[in-house]
Amino acid sequence: LDLGRLLDAFSIELIALTVWKEALGLCKSLADSSPDASTSHRVPPGCCREQEGSSSLSSAEAIDFSRMESVCSRVEQGFIAACDRAENLASFLHDMD
C-alpha cells in the first residue's frame, strides 16, 4: 500500500474522530443539563427527514431521531468506531516503519 494514501486516510480519520468527539460532548451536555434528557430534549420534527430510497443511518441502523437517547447512543457508537479505525491505521503505519 502507498504510504501517502495511508497518511491521508489517517488524517481524514482524525478529522472524523474530532467531529464524533464534538457530537459526543454535545450529547453529554444535553444529558447533564436535564434529569430526563431523553424526553426534555427532543430533536425538532422534520429536522432529519429521510428522502425516499435513502440509505441514511436512521433507516440502516434504526435510529429514532425523535429521541435524544437514541441519537446519543448512535453518536457513542460512531465515536468508538472512529477510535478503532484511527487506532488500526496508527498501528498499521507504525508497523510500516
C-alpha atoms as a PDB file:
ATOM      1  CA  LEU A   1       0.000   0.000   0.000  1.00  0.00           C
ATOM      2  CA  ASP A   2       1.054   3.579  -0.679  1.00  0.00           C
ATOM      3  CA  LEU A   3       2.326   5.355   2.458  1.00  0.00           C
ATOM      4  CA  GLY A   4       0.998   8.695   1.221  1.00  0.00           C
ATOM      5  CA  ARG A   5      -2.524   7.344   0.913  1.00  0.00           C
ATOM      6  CA  LEU A   6      -2.322   5.767   4.347  1.00  0.00           C
ATOM      7  CA  LEU A   7      -1.230   9.079   5.847  1.00  0.00           C
ATOM      8  CA  ASP A   8      -4.104  10.816   4.058  1.00  0.00           C
ATOM      9  CA  ALA A   9      -6.541   8.212   5.384  1.00  0.00           C
ATOM     10  CA  PHE A  10      -5.168   8.647   8.894  1.00  0.00           C
ATOM     11  CA  SER A  11      -5.512  12.443   8.665  1.00  0.00           C
ATOM     12  CA  ILE A  12      -9.099  12.150   7.471  1.00  0.00           C
ATOM     13  CA  GLU A  13      -9.885   9.662  10.218  1.00  0.00           C
ATOM     14  CA  LEU A  14      -8.506  12.065  12.838  1.00  0.00           C
ATOM     15  CA  ILE A  15     -10.800  14.780  11.484  1.00  0.00           C
ATOM     16  CA  ALA A  16     -13.769  12.392  11.641  1.00  0.00           C
ATOM     17  CA  LEU A  17     -12.786  11.449  15.191  1.00  0.00           C
ATOM     18  CA  THR A  18     -12.785  15.135  16.153  1.00  0.00           C
ATOM     19  CA  VAL A  19     -16.292  15.566  14.738  1.00  0.00           C
ATOM     20  CA  TRP A  20     -17.575  12.492  16.605  1.00  0.00           C
ATOM     21  CA  LYS A  21     -15.922  13.772  19.801  1.00  0.00           C
ATOM     22  CA  GLU A  22     -17.702  17.133  19.452  1.00  0.00           C
ATOM     23  CA  ALA A  23     -21.035  15.386  18.864  1.00  0.00           C
ATOM     24  CA  LEU A  24     -20.440  13.175  21.897  1.00  0.00           C
ATOM     25  CA  GLY A  25     -19.674  16.246  24.002  1.00  0.00           C
ATOM     26  CA  LEU A  26     -22.935  17.866  22.889  1.00  0.00           C
ATOM     27  CA  CYS A  27     -24.903  14.750  23.801  1.00  0.00           C
ATOM     28  CA  LYS A  28     -23.275  14.603  27.227  1.00  0.00           C
ATOM     29  CA  SER A  29     -24.004  18.306  27.779  1.00  0.00           C
ATOM     30  CA  LEU A  30     -27.662  17.763  26.940  1.00  0.00           C
ATOM     31  CA  ALA A  31     -27.842  14.744  29.226  1.00  0.00           C
ATOM     32  CA  ASP A  32     -26.179  16.654  32.078  1.00  0.00           C
ATOM     33  CA  SER A  33     -28.422  19.697  31.659  1.00  0.00           C
ATOM     34  CA  SER A  34     -31.606  17.785  32.382  1.00  0.00           C
ATOM     35  CA  PRO A  35     -32.501  14.946  34.735  1.00  0.00           C
ATOM     36  CA  ASP A  36     -34.562  13.384  31.941  1.00  0.00           C
ATOM     37  CA  ALA A  37     -32.791  14.337  28.717  1.00  0.00           C
ATOM     38  CA  SER A  38     -34.498  11.598  26.737  1.00  0.00           C
ATOM     39  CA  THR A  39     -37.850  13.383  26.979  1.00  0.00           C
ATOM     40  CA  SER A  40     -36.970  17.027  27.537  1.00  0.00           C
ATOM     41  CA  HIS A  41     -34.539  17.331  24.614  1.00  0.00           C
ATOM     42  CA  ARG A  42     -36.248  16.065  21.528  1.00  0.00           C
ATOM     43  CA  VAL A  43     -34.920  16.533  18.043  1.00  0.00           C
ATOM     44  CA  PRO A  44     -37.195  19.019  16.216  1.00  0.00           C
ATOM     45  CA  PRO A  45     -39.762  17.394  13.896  1.00  0.00           C
ATOM     46  CA  GLY A  46     -38.620  17.289  10.280  1.00  0.00           C
ATOM     47  CA  CYS A  47     -35.029  18.075  11.247  1.00  0.00           C
ATOM     48  CA  CYS A  48     -33.668  14.801   9.966  1.00  0.00           C
ATOM     49  CA  ARG A  49     -36.291  13.817   7.409  1.00  0.00           C
ATOM     50  CA  GLU A  50     -35.243  10.971   5.156  1.00  0.00           C
ATOM     51  CA  GLN A  51     -35.588  11.083   1.428  1.00  0.00           C
ATOM     52  CA  GLU A  52     -37.293   8.185  -0.295  1.00  0.00           C
ATOM     53  CA  GLY A  53     -34.787   5.481  -1.148  1.00  0.00           C
ATOM     54  CA  SER A  54     -32.221   6.996   1.195  1.00  0.00           C
ATOM     55  CA  SER A  55     -29.666   4.716   2.781  1.00  0.00           C
ATOM     56  CA  SER A  56     -29.146   7.032   5.743  1.00  0.00           C
ATOM     57  CA  LEU A  57     -28.091   5.805   9.146  1.00  0.00           C
ATOM     58  CA  SER A  58     -31.605   6.245  10.508  1.00  0.00           C
ATOM     59  CA  SER A  59     -33.033   3.582   8.236  1.00  0.00           C
ATOM     60  CA  ALA A  60     -29.984   1.336   8.203  1.00  0.00           C
ATOM     61  CA  GLU A  61     -29.475   1.294  11.954  1.00  0.00           C
ATOM     62  CA  ALA A  62     -32.949   2.100  13.313  1.00  0.00           C
ATOM     63  CA  ILE A  63     -32.130   5.446  14.902  1.00  0.00           C
ATOM     64  CA  ASP A  64     -35.158   7.141  16.390  1.00  0.00           C
ATOM     65  CA  PHE A  65     -34.373  10.789  15.692  1.00  0.00           C
ATOM     66  CA  SER A  66     -37.297  11.852  17.868  1.00  0.00           C
ATOM     67  CA  ARG A  67     -35.488  10.532  20.974  1.00  0.00           C
ATOM     68  CA  MET A  68     -32.250  12.184  22.046  1.00  0.00           C
ATOM     69  CA  GLU A  69     -31.257   8.980  23.860  1.00  0.00           C
ATOM     70  CA  SER A  70     -31.285   7.086  20.555  1.00  0.00           C
ATOM     71  CA  VAL A  71     -29.272   9.788  18.802  1.00  0.00           C
ATOM     72  CA  CYS A  72     -26.688   9.911  21.603  1.00  0.00           C
ATOM     73  CA  SER A  73     -26.363   6.135  21.565  1.00  0.00           C
ATOM     74  CA  ARG A  74     -25.532   6.269  17.844  1.00  0.00           C
ATOM     75  CA  VAL A  75     -23.049   9.072  18.465  1.00  0.00           C
ATOM     76  CA  GLU A  76     -21.301   6.939  21.095  1.00  0.00           C
ATOM     77  CA  GLN A  77     -21.139   4.030  18.641  1.00  0.00           C
ATOM     78  CA  GLY A  78     -19.751   6.313  15.932  1.00  0.00           C
ATOM     79  CA  PHE A  79     -17.113   7.699  18.281  1.00  0.00           C
ATOM     80  CA  ILE A  80     -15.982   4.215  19.321  1.00  0.00           C
ATOM     81  CA  ALA A  81     -15.840   3.067  15.682  1.00  0.00           C
ATOM     82  CA  ALA A  82     -13.791   6.152  14.719  1.00  0.00           C
ATOM     83  CA  CYS A  83     -11.378   5.455  17.600  1.00  0.00           C
ATOM     84  CA  ASP A  84     -10.982   1.866  16.434  1.00  0.00           C
ATOM     85  CA  ARG A  85     -10.319   2.921  12.836  1.00  0.00           C
ATOM     86  CA  ALA A  86      -7.772   5.542  13.907  1.00  0.00           C
ATOM     87  CA  GLU A  87      -6.009   3.032  16.176  1.00  0.00           C
ATOM     88  CA  ASN A  88      -5.890   0.444  13.393  1.00  0.00           C
ATOM     89  CA  LEU A  89      -4.438   2.942  10.927  1.00  0.00           C
ATOM     90  CA  ALA A  90      -1.913   4.163  13.514  1.00  0.00           C
ATOM     91  CA  SER A  91      -0.857   0.584  14.214  1.00  0.00           C
ATOM     92  CA  PHE A  92      -0.542  -0.163  10.513  1.00  0.00           C
ATOM     93  CA  LEU A  93       1.540   2.983   9.961  1.00  0.00           C
ATOM     94  CA  HIS A  94       3.732   2.129  12.948  1.00  0.00           C
ATOM     95  CA  ASP A  95       4.355  -1.373  11.583  1.00  0.00           C
ATOM     96  CA  MET A  96       5.479   0.114   8.251  1.00  0.00           C
ATOM     97  CA  ASP A  97       8.452   1.850   9.912  1.00  0.00           C
END
